[in-house]
Amino acid sequence: MKPIILYDLASKQTGLPWVPNPAKTRFCLGYKGLPFETVWIQNKDLESTLKSIGAQPSSGTSYTVPVIQDPNTGAIVTDSLVIAEYLDKTYPSAKPIIPDGTAALIKGFEAGFRTIGYSAAMSFLDWAQLDWIPETSKEYFTRKRLTTHGKQTWEELSPSDKRPGQWASFKRGMDAIDGWYQQSNGRWIMGDTFSYADMVIASRLVWFNVIFDEVQKEELNSWNDGRWAKLLADVNQVCHMSL
């Protein structure tokens, strides 16, 4: 089998997986035991690179990663959830990424996690990830992100005196998600059944553990009786990854 090609977003550290949506696809490929190679793209080159291979926009006219190019079938697939569905259909196994009958629930779970878990702290999170953008893409990234938020400067987006409050909002969100796991009566959000939903959480934890400073990482990994450090370790183990 030829390796699947994964298009991912480059950081300032060469070869570092850090962006959450491509991390989901990495977990999916690892879980399926499928070989893959990575093509790293800078923010400023996303649209031109993905257009050049015939990829479709992920939403509207926006080009984002992940995208996979499967030389075994000729398929080019955009969007992490669509990729997961493609992998389940094309490479079926006894271990589906999306268990039968759960696709709609998982889609709703992902939206709920985004809204409840971290959306209130998104200004802080965007500010925190700025340090990991390659210098050659910082101007492009800054323009796009500030325009998205309707702000003129990073300080306006995440004022230094507001960051403790934004961090507190983030903790409240993660506390709420911890409550969901407490009700699952098992290791995973679906109890004893591992699924794409757990990859969704783990992929954000990958991102958080890159963009946060050491004190913030220590706090995050101590919250909720260490749930988040353990969950990421468990997902890495099941997916044969080390993100």
C-alpha atoms as a PDB file:
ATOM      1  CA  MET A   1       0.000   0.000   0.000  1.00  0.00           C
ATOM      2  CA  LYS A   2       1.266   3.456  -0.908  1.00  0.00           C
ATOM      3  CA  PRO A   3       1.401   6.011   1.921  1.00  0.00           C
ATOM      4  CA  ILE A   4      -1.491   8.454   2.112  1.00  0.00           C
ATOM      5  CA  ILE A   5      -0.333  12.073   1.859  1.00  0.00           C
ATOM      6  CA  LEU A   6      -1.496  14.362   4.668  1.00  0.00           C
ATOM      7  CA  TYR A   7      -1.332  18.122   4.154  1.00  0.00           C
ATOM      8  CA  ASP A   8      -0.717  19.853   7.471  1.00  0.00           C
ATOM      9  CA  LEU A   9       0.100  23.345   8.720  1.00  0.00           C
ATOM     10  CA  ALA A  10       3.729  24.168   9.448  1.00  0.00           C
ATOM     11  CA  SER A  11       4.823  25.787  12.706  1.00  0.00           C
ATOM     12  CA  LYS A  12       8.064  27.551  13.556  1.00  0.00           C
ATOM     13  CA  GLN A  13       9.434  24.153  14.647  1.00  0.00           C
ATOM     14  CA  THR A  14      10.098  21.921  11.665  1.00  0.00           C
ATOM     15  CA  GLY A  15       8.025  18.748  11.575  1.00  0.00           C
ATOM     16  CA  LEU A  16       5.944  19.469  14.685  1.00  0.00           C
ATOM     17  CA  PRO A  17       2.302  18.296  14.540  1.00  0.00           C
ATOM     18  CA  TRP A  18       0.391  20.975  16.423  1.00  0.00           C
ATOM     19  CA  VAL A  19      -2.782  22.093  14.637  1.00  0.00           C
ATOM     20  CA  PRO A  20      -5.912  20.381  16.017  1.00  0.00           C
ATOM     21  CA  ASN A  21      -7.825  19.507  12.850  1.00  0.00           C
ATOM     22  CA  PRO A  22      -4.927  17.707  11.129  1.00  0.00           C
ATOM     23  CA  ALA A  23      -4.182  16.026  14.474  1.00  0.00           C
ATOM     24  CA  LYS A  24      -7.603  14.351  14.232  1.00  0.00           C
ATOM     25  CA  THR A  25      -6.591  12.898  10.876  1.00  0.00           C
ATOM     26  CA  ARG A  26      -3.257  11.734  12.294  1.00  0.00           C
ATOM     27  CA  PHE A  27      -5.132   9.896  15.034  1.00  0.00           C
ATOM     28  CA  CYS A  28      -7.508   8.379  12.450  1.00  0.00           C
ATOM     29  CA  LEU A  29      -4.671   7.148  10.240  1.00  0.00           C
ATOM     30  CA  GLY A  30      -2.800   5.749  13.232  1.00  0.00           C
ATOM     31  CA  TYR A  31      -5.905   4.022  14.562  1.00  0.00           C
ATOM     32  CA  LYS A  32      -6.461   2.364  11.191  1.00  0.00           C
ATOM     33  CA  GLY A  33      -2.795   1.439  10.907  1.00  0.00           C
ATOM     34  CA  LEU A  34      -2.510   3.228   7.556  1.00  0.00           C
ATOM     35  CA  PRO A  35       0.891   4.501   6.382  1.00  0.00           C
ATOM     36  CA  PHE A  36       1.095   8.209   5.638  1.00  0.00           C
ATOM     37  CA  GLU A  37       3.503  11.007   4.824  1.00  0.00           C
ATOM     38  CA  THR A  38       3.187  14.697   5.669  1.00  0.00           C
ATOM     39  CA  VAL A  39       3.445  17.711   3.396  1.00  0.00           C
ATOM     40  CA  TRP A  40       3.903  20.832   5.517  1.00  0.00           C
ATOM     41  CA  ILE A  41       2.330  24.087   4.284  1.00  0.00           C
ATOM     42  CA  GLN A  42       2.653  27.604   5.669  1.00  0.00           C
ATOM     43  CA  ASN A  43      -0.479  29.685   6.287  1.00  0.00           C
ATOM     44  CA  LYS A  44       0.269  32.048   3.441  1.00  0.00           C
ATOM     45  CA  ASP A  45       0.606  29.155   0.965  1.00  0.00           C
ATOM     46  CA  LEU A  46      -2.485  27.155   1.946  1.00  0.00           C
ATOM     47  CA  GLU A  47      -4.806  28.261  -0.830  1.00  0.00           C
ATOM     48  CA  SER A  48      -2.280  28.087  -3.668  1.00  0.00           C
ATOM     49  CA  THR A  49      -0.923  24.685  -2.594  1.00  0.00           C
ATOM     50  CA  LEU A  50      -4.300  23.053  -2.059  1.00  0.00           C
ATOM     51  CA  LYS A  51      -5.701  24.464  -5.292  1.00  0.00           C
ATOM     52  CA  SER A  52      -2.687  23.071  -7.141  1.00  0.00           C
ATOM     53  CA  ILE A  53      -3.555  19.485  -6.130  1.00  0.00           C
ATOM     54  CA  GLY A  54      -7.257  19.895  -6.898  1.00  0.00           C
ATOM     55  CA  ALA A  55      -8.509  20.033  -3.313  1.00  0.00           C
ATOM     56  CA  GLN A  56     -11.887  21.566  -2.585  1.00  0.00           C
ATOM     57  CA  PRO A  57     -12.438  24.416  -0.102  1.00  0.00           C
ATOM     58  CA  SER A  58     -13.442  23.173   3.333  1.00  0.00           C
ATOM     59  CA  SER A  59     -16.238  25.736   3.629  1.00  0.00           C
ATOM     60  CA  GLY A  60     -17.339  28.384   1.169  1.00  0.00           C
ATOM     61  CA  THR A  61     -14.168  29.587  -0.519  1.00  0.00           C
ATOM     62  CA  SER A  62     -11.838  28.931   2.431  1.00  0.00           C
ATOM     63  CA  TYR A  63      -8.980  26.452   2.033  1.00  0.00           C
ATOM     64  CA  THR A  64      -7.864  24.760   5.236  1.00  0.00           C
ATOM     65  CA  VAL A  65      -6.097  21.627   6.416  1.00  0.00           C
ATOM     66  CA  PRO A  66      -6.330  18.728   6.810  1.00  0.00           C
ATOM     67  CA  VAL A  67      -6.477  17.459   3.268  1.00  0.00           C
ATOM     68  CA  ILE A  68      -5.451  13.947   2.299  1.00  0.00           C
ATOM     69  CA  GLN A  69      -4.361  12.681  -1.091  1.00  0.00           C
ATOM     70  CA  ASP A  70      -4.765   8.925  -1.393  1.00  0.00           C
ATOM     71  CA  PRO A  71      -2.562   7.526  -4.186  1.00  0.00           C
ATOM     72  CA  ASN A  72      -4.225   4.130  -3.767  1.00  0.00           C
ATOM     73  CA  THR A  73      -7.606   5.423  -4.933  1.00  0.00           C
ATOM     74  CA  GLY A  74      -6.842   8.816  -6.465  1.00  0.00           C
ATOM     75  CA  ALA A  75      -9.109  10.523  -3.920  1.00  0.00           C
ATOM     76  CA  ILE A  76      -8.416  14.000  -2.554  1.00  0.00           C
ATOM     77  CA  VAL A  77     -10.468  14.592   0.580  1.00  0.00           C
ATOM     78  CA  THR A  78     -10.927  17.795   2.598  1.00  0.00           C
ATOM     79  CA  ASP A  79     -12.155  18.280   6.200  1.00  0.00           C
ATOM     80  CA  SER A  80     -11.250  16.073   9.148  1.00  0.00           C
ATOM     81  CA  LEU A  81     -14.716  14.564   9.683  1.00  0.00           C
ATOM     82  CA  VAL A  82     -15.178  13.859   5.970  1.00  0.00           C
ATOM     83  CA  ILE A  83     -11.714  12.278   5.946  1.00  0.00           C
ATOM     84  CA  ALA A  84     -12.683  10.050   8.885  1.00  0.00           C
ATOM     85  CA  GLU A  85     -15.806   8.929   7.021  1.00  0.00           C
ATOM     86  CA  TYR A  86     -13.736   8.287   3.884  1.00  0.00           C
ATOM     87  CA  LEU A  87     -11.217   6.167   5.796  1.00  0.00           C
ATOM     88  CA  ASP A  88     -13.973   4.090   7.408  1.00  0.00           C
ATOM     89  CA  LYS A  89     -15.591   3.464   4.017  1.00  0.00           C
ATOM     90  CA  THR A  90     -12.400   2.858   2.038  1.00  0.00           C
ATOM     91  CA  TYR A  91     -10.467   0.930   4.678  1.00  0.00           C
ATOM     92  CA  PRO A  92     -13.131  -0.875   6.740  1.00  0.00           C
ATOM     93  CA  SER A  93     -12.011  -2.780   9.782  1.00  0.00           C
ATOM     94  CA  ALA A  94     -13.307  -4.130  13.048  1.00  0.00           C
ATOM     95  CA  LYS A  95     -12.326  -0.772  14.570  1.00  0.00           C
ATOM     96  CA  PRO A  96     -14.428   1.960  12.949  1.00  0.00           C
ATOM     97  CA  ILE A  97     -13.464   5.558  13.652  1.00  0.00           C
ATOM     98  CA  ILE A  98     -17.145   6.492  13.662  1.00  0.00           C
ATOM     99  CA  PRO A  99     -19.200   3.624  15.124  1.00  0.00           C
ATOM    100  CA  ASP A 100     -22.267   2.686  13.119  1.00  0.00           C
ATOM    101  CA  GLY A 101     -25.190   5.018  13.705  1.00  0.00           C
ATOM    102  CA  THR A 102     -23.219   7.686  15.587  1.00  0.00           C
ATOM    103  CA  ALA A 103     -22.210  10.117  12.800  1.00  0.00           C
ATOM    104  CA  ALA A 104     -24.860  12.729  13.613  1.00  0.00           C
ATOM    105  CA  LEU A 105     -24.191  12.502  17.345  1.00  0.00           C
ATOM    106  CA  ILE A 106     -20.441  12.875  16.844  1.00  0.00           C
ATOM    107  CA  LYS A 107     -20.937  15.916  14.625  1.00  0.00           C
ATOM    108  CA  GLY A 108     -23.103  17.470  17.334  1.00  0.00           C
ATOM    109  CA  PHE A 109     -20.580  16.510  20.003  1.00  0.00           C
ATOM    110  CA  GLU A 110     -17.789  18.291  18.152  1.00  0.00           C
ATOM    111  CA  ALA A 111     -19.874  21.452  17.792  1.00  0.00           C
ATOM    112  CA  GLY A 112     -20.835  21.271  21.458  1.00  0.00           C
ATOM    113  CA  PHE A 113     -17.242  20.846  22.577  1.00  0.00           C
ATOM    114  CA  ARG A 114     -16.208  23.873  20.533  1.00  0.00           C
ATOM    115  CA  THR A 115     -19.025  26.037  21.902  1.00  0.00           C
ATOM    116  CA  ILE A 116     -18.852  24.964  25.538  1.00  0.00           C
ATOM    117  CA  GLY A 117     -15.245  23.869  25.912  1.00  0.00           C
ATOM    118  CA  TYR A 118     -13.176  26.729  24.561  1.00  0.00           C
ATOM    119  CA  SER A 119     -15.037  29.242  22.368  1.00  0.00           C
ATOM    120  CA  ALA A 120     -15.209  31.799  25.205  1.00  0.00           C
ATOM    121  CA  ALA A 121     -11.400  31.786  25.309  1.00  0.00           C
ATOM    122  CA  MET A 122     -10.798  31.823  21.541  1.00  0.00           C
ATOM    123  CA  SER A 123      -9.310  35.330  21.577  1.00  0.00           C
ATOM    124  CA  PHE A 124      -6.755  34.196  24.147  1.00  0.00           C
ATOM    125  CA  LEU A 125      -6.030  30.974  22.244  1.00  0.00           C
ATOM    126  CA  ASP A 126      -5.448  32.802  18.956  1.00  0.00           C
ATOM    127  CA  TRP A 127      -3.102  35.197  20.737  1.00  0.00           C
ATOM    128  CA  ALA A 128      -1.264  32.273  22.370  1.00  0.00           C
ATOM    129  CA  GLN A 129      -0.635  30.473  19.088  1.00  0.00           C
ATOM    130  CA  LEU A 130       0.932  33.520  17.419  1.00  0.00           C
ATOM    131  CA  ASP A 131       4.381  32.578  18.743  1.00  0.00           C
ATOM    132  CA  TRP A 132       4.215  29.265  16.856  1.00  0.00           C
ATOM    133  CA  ILE A 133       3.539  30.766  13.432  1.00  0.00           C
ATOM    134  CA  PRO A 134       6.616  30.851  11.133  1.00  0.00           C
ATOM    135  CA  GLU A 135       7.989  34.364  10.728  1.00  0.00           C
ATOM    136  CA  THR A 136       7.288  34.296   6.992  1.00  0.00           C
ATOM    137  CA  SER A 137       3.568  33.714   7.663  1.00  0.00           C
ATOM    138  CA  LYS A 138       3.020  35.945  10.710  1.00  0.00           C
ATOM    139  CA  GLU A 139       1.860  38.982   8.755  1.00  0.00           C
ATOM    140  CA  TYR A 140      -0.645  36.880   6.801  1.00  0.00           C
ATOM    141  CA  PHE A 141      -1.851  35.056   9.926  1.00  0.00           C
ATOM    142  CA  THR A 142      -2.192  38.315  11.867  1.00  0.00           C
ATOM    143  CA  ARG A 143      -4.215  39.984   9.125  1.00  0.00           C
ATOM    144  CA  LYS A 144      -6.570  37.016   8.749  1.00  0.00           C
ATOM    145  CA  ARG A 145      -7.120  36.413  12.468  1.00  0.00           C
ATOM    146  CA  LEU A 146      -7.628  40.047  13.445  1.00  0.00           C
ATOM    147  CA  THR A 147     -10.048  40.508  10.548  1.00  0.00           C
ATOM    148  CA  THR A 148     -11.984  37.429  11.687  1.00  0.00           C
ATOM    149  CA  HIS A 149     -12.325  38.874  15.185  1.00  0.00           C
ATOM    150  CA  GLY A 150     -12.943  42.442  13.971  1.00  0.00           C
ATOM    151  CA  LYS A 151      -9.906  43.813  15.821  1.00  0.00           C
ATOM    152  CA  GLN A 152      -6.968  46.000  14.829  1.00  0.00           C
ATOM    153  CA  THR A 153      -4.200  44.686  17.117  1.00  0.00           C
ATOM    154  CA  TRP A 154      -3.378  41.603  19.174  1.00  0.00           C
ATOM    155  CA  GLU A 155      -3.559  43.655  22.366  1.00  0.00           C
ATOM    156  CA  GLU A 156      -7.072  44.712  21.417  1.00  0.00           C
ATOM    157  CA  LEU A 157      -7.987  41.084  20.746  1.00  0.00           C
ATOM    158  CA  SER A 158      -6.569  39.713  23.993  1.00  0.00           C
ATOM    159  CA  PRO A 159      -5.692  42.587  26.361  1.00  0.00           C
ATOM    160  CA  SER A 160      -3.110  41.569  28.939  1.00  0.00           C
ATOM    161  CA  ASP A 161      -5.406  42.554  31.814  1.00  0.00           C
ATOM    162  CA  LYS A 162      -8.217  40.394  30.374  1.00  0.00           C
ATOM    163  CA  ARG A 163      -6.195  37.209  29.900  1.00  0.00           C
ATOM    164  CA  PRO A 164      -6.696  35.879  33.452  1.00  0.00           C
ATOM    165  CA  GLY A 165     -10.443  36.134  32.902  1.00  0.00           C
ATOM    166  CA  GLN A 166     -10.163  34.447  29.507  1.00  0.00           C
ATOM    167  CA  TRP A 167      -8.143  31.651  31.117  1.00  0.00           C
ATOM    168  CA  ALA A 168     -10.804  31.275  33.812  1.00  0.00           C
ATOM    169  CA  SER A 169     -13.464  31.014  31.079  1.00  0.00           C
ATOM    170  CA  PHE A 170     -11.422  28.289  29.435  1.00  0.00           C
ATOM    171  CA  LYS A 171     -11.221  26.336  32.703  1.00  0.00           C
ATOM    172  CA  ARG A 172     -14.980  26.575  33.197  1.00  0.00           C
ATOM    173  CA  GLY A 173     -15.455  25.190  29.708  1.00  0.00           C
ATOM    174  CA  MET A 174     -13.146  22.246  30.320  1.00  0.00           C
ATOM    175  CA  ASP A 175     -14.852  21.599  33.657  1.00  0.00           C
ATOM    176  CA  ALA A 176     -18.120  21.276  31.749  1.00  0.00           C
ATOM    177  CA  ILE A 177     -16.603  18.772  29.317  1.00  0.00           C
ATOM    178  CA  ASP A 178     -15.214  16.830  32.272  1.00  0.00           C
ATOM    179  CA  GLY A 179     -18.804  16.554  33.478  1.00  0.00           C
ATOM    180  CA  TRP A 180     -19.722  14.870  30.196  1.00  0.00           C
ATOM    181  CA  TYR A 181     -16.974  12.298  30.672  1.00  0.00           C
ATOM    182  CA  GLN A 182     -18.068  11.651  34.248  1.00  0.00           C
ATOM    183  CA  GLN A 183     -21.473  10.612  32.929  1.00  0.00           C
ATOM    184  CA  SER A 184     -20.041   8.208  30.348  1.00  0.00           C
ATOM    185  CA  ASN A 185     -19.329   5.432  32.880  1.00  0.00           C
ATOM    186  CA  GLY A 186     -16.232   4.364  30.991  1.00  0.00           C
ATOM    187  CA  ARG A 187     -12.838   5.288  29.657  1.00  0.00           C
ATOM    188  CA  TRP A 188     -14.247   7.167  26.652  1.00  0.00           C
ATOM    189  CA  ILE A 189     -17.081   9.605  25.981  1.00  0.00           C
ATOM    190  CA  MET A 190     -19.134   6.611  24.736  1.00  0.00           C
ATOM    191  CA  GLY A 191     -18.272   4.516  27.761  1.00  0.00           C
ATOM    192  CA  ASP A 192     -16.111   1.595  26.658  1.00  0.00           C
ATOM    193  CA  THR A 193     -16.350   2.488  22.955  1.00  0.00           C
ATOM    194  CA  PHE A 194     -13.505   4.530  21.504  1.00  0.00           C
ATOM    195  CA  SER A 195     -14.472   6.885  18.684  1.00  0.00           C
ATOM    196  CA  TYR A 196     -13.725   9.999  16.689  1.00  0.00           C
ATOM    197  CA  ALA A 197     -15.309  12.017  19.513  1.00  0.00           C
ATOM    198  CA  ASP A 198     -12.351  11.232  21.789  1.00  0.00           C
ATOM    199  CA  MET A 199      -9.970  12.161  18.970  1.00  0.00           C
ATOM    200  CA  VAL A 200     -11.713  15.546  18.772  1.00  0.00           C
ATOM    201  CA  ILE A 201     -10.860  16.294  22.402  1.00  0.00           C
ATOM    202  CA  ALA A 202      -7.354  14.853  22.145  1.00  0.00           C
ATOM    203  CA  SER A 203      -6.536  16.907  19.049  1.00  0.00           C
ATOM    204  CA  ARG A 204      -7.307  20.127  20.925  1.00  0.00           C
ATOM    205  CA  LEU A 205      -5.153  18.926  23.804  1.00  0.00           C
ATOM    206  CA  VAL A 206      -2.285  18.486  21.332  1.00  0.00           C
ATOM    207  CA  TRP A 207      -2.741  22.120  20.297  1.00  0.00           C
ATOM    208  CA  PHE A 208      -3.048  23.394  23.862  1.00  0.00           C
ATOM    209  CA  ASN A 209       0.114  21.570  24.914  1.00  0.00           C
ATOM    210  CA  VAL A 210       2.069  23.293  22.151  1.00  0.00           C
ATOM    211  CA  ILE A 211       0.786  26.866  22.426  1.00  0.00           C
ATOM    212  CA  PHE A 212       0.558  27.154  26.224  1.00  0.00           C
ATOM    213  CA  ASP A 213       3.524  28.131  28.359  1.00  0.00           C
ATOM    214  CA  GLU A 214       4.871  25.697  30.950  1.00  0.00           C
ATOM    215  CA  VAL A 215       2.745  27.049  33.807  1.00  0.00           C
ATOM    216  CA  GLN A 216      -0.429  26.915  31.723  1.00  0.00           C
ATOM    217  CA  LYS A 217       0.316  23.368  30.547  1.00  0.00           C
ATOM    218  CA  GLU A 218       0.901  22.241  34.115  1.00  0.00           C
ATOM    219  CA  GLU A 219      -2.416  23.780  35.171  1.00  0.00           C
ATOM    220  CA  LEU A 220      -4.336  22.237  32.281  1.00  0.00           C
ATOM    221  CA  ASN A 221      -2.918  18.794  32.920  1.00  0.00           C
ATOM    222  CA  SER A 222      -3.776  19.018  36.630  1.00  0.00           C
ATOM    223  CA  TRP A 223      -7.416  19.989  36.103  1.00  0.00           C
ATOM    224  CA  ASN A 224     -10.229  17.506  36.685  1.00  0.00           C
ATOM    225  CA  ASP A 225      -7.981  15.028  38.504  1.00  0.00           C
ATOM    226  CA  GLY A 226      -5.558  14.901  35.590  1.00  0.00           C
ATOM    227  CA  ARG A 227      -8.217  13.834  33.101  1.00  0.00           C
ATOM    228  CA  TRP A 228      -6.796  15.720  30.122  1.00  0.00           C
ATOM    229  CA  ALA A 229      -3.235  14.445  30.421  1.00  0.00           C
ATOM    230  CA  LYS A 230      -4.562  10.901  30.808  1.00  0.00           C
ATOM    231  CA  LEU A 231      -7.016  11.208  27.925  1.00  0.00           C
ATOM    232  CA  LEU A 232      -4.338  12.424  25.526  1.00  0.00           C
ATOM    233  CA  ALA A 233      -2.010   9.617  26.622  1.00  0.00           C
ATOM    234  CA  ASP A 234      -4.796   7.051  26.167  1.00  0.00           C
ATOM    235  CA  VAL A 235      -5.735   8.302  22.688  1.00  0.00           C
ATOM    236  CA  ASN A 236      -2.082   8.294  21.653  1.00  0.00           C
ATOM    237  CA  GLN A 237      -1.763   4.709  22.870  1.00  0.00           C
ATOM    238  CA  VAL A 238      -4.860   3.449  21.067  1.00  0.00           C
ATOM    239  CA  CYS A 239      -3.906   5.277  17.857  1.00  0.00           C
ATOM    240  CA  HIS A 240      -0.220   4.293  18.002  1.00  0.00           C
ATOM    241  CA  MET A 241       0.834   7.941  17.964  1.00  0.00           C
ATOM    242  CA  SER A 242       2.922  10.227  20.163  1.00  0.00           C
ATOM    243  CA  LEU A 243       1.314  13.631  19.719  1.00  0.00           C
END
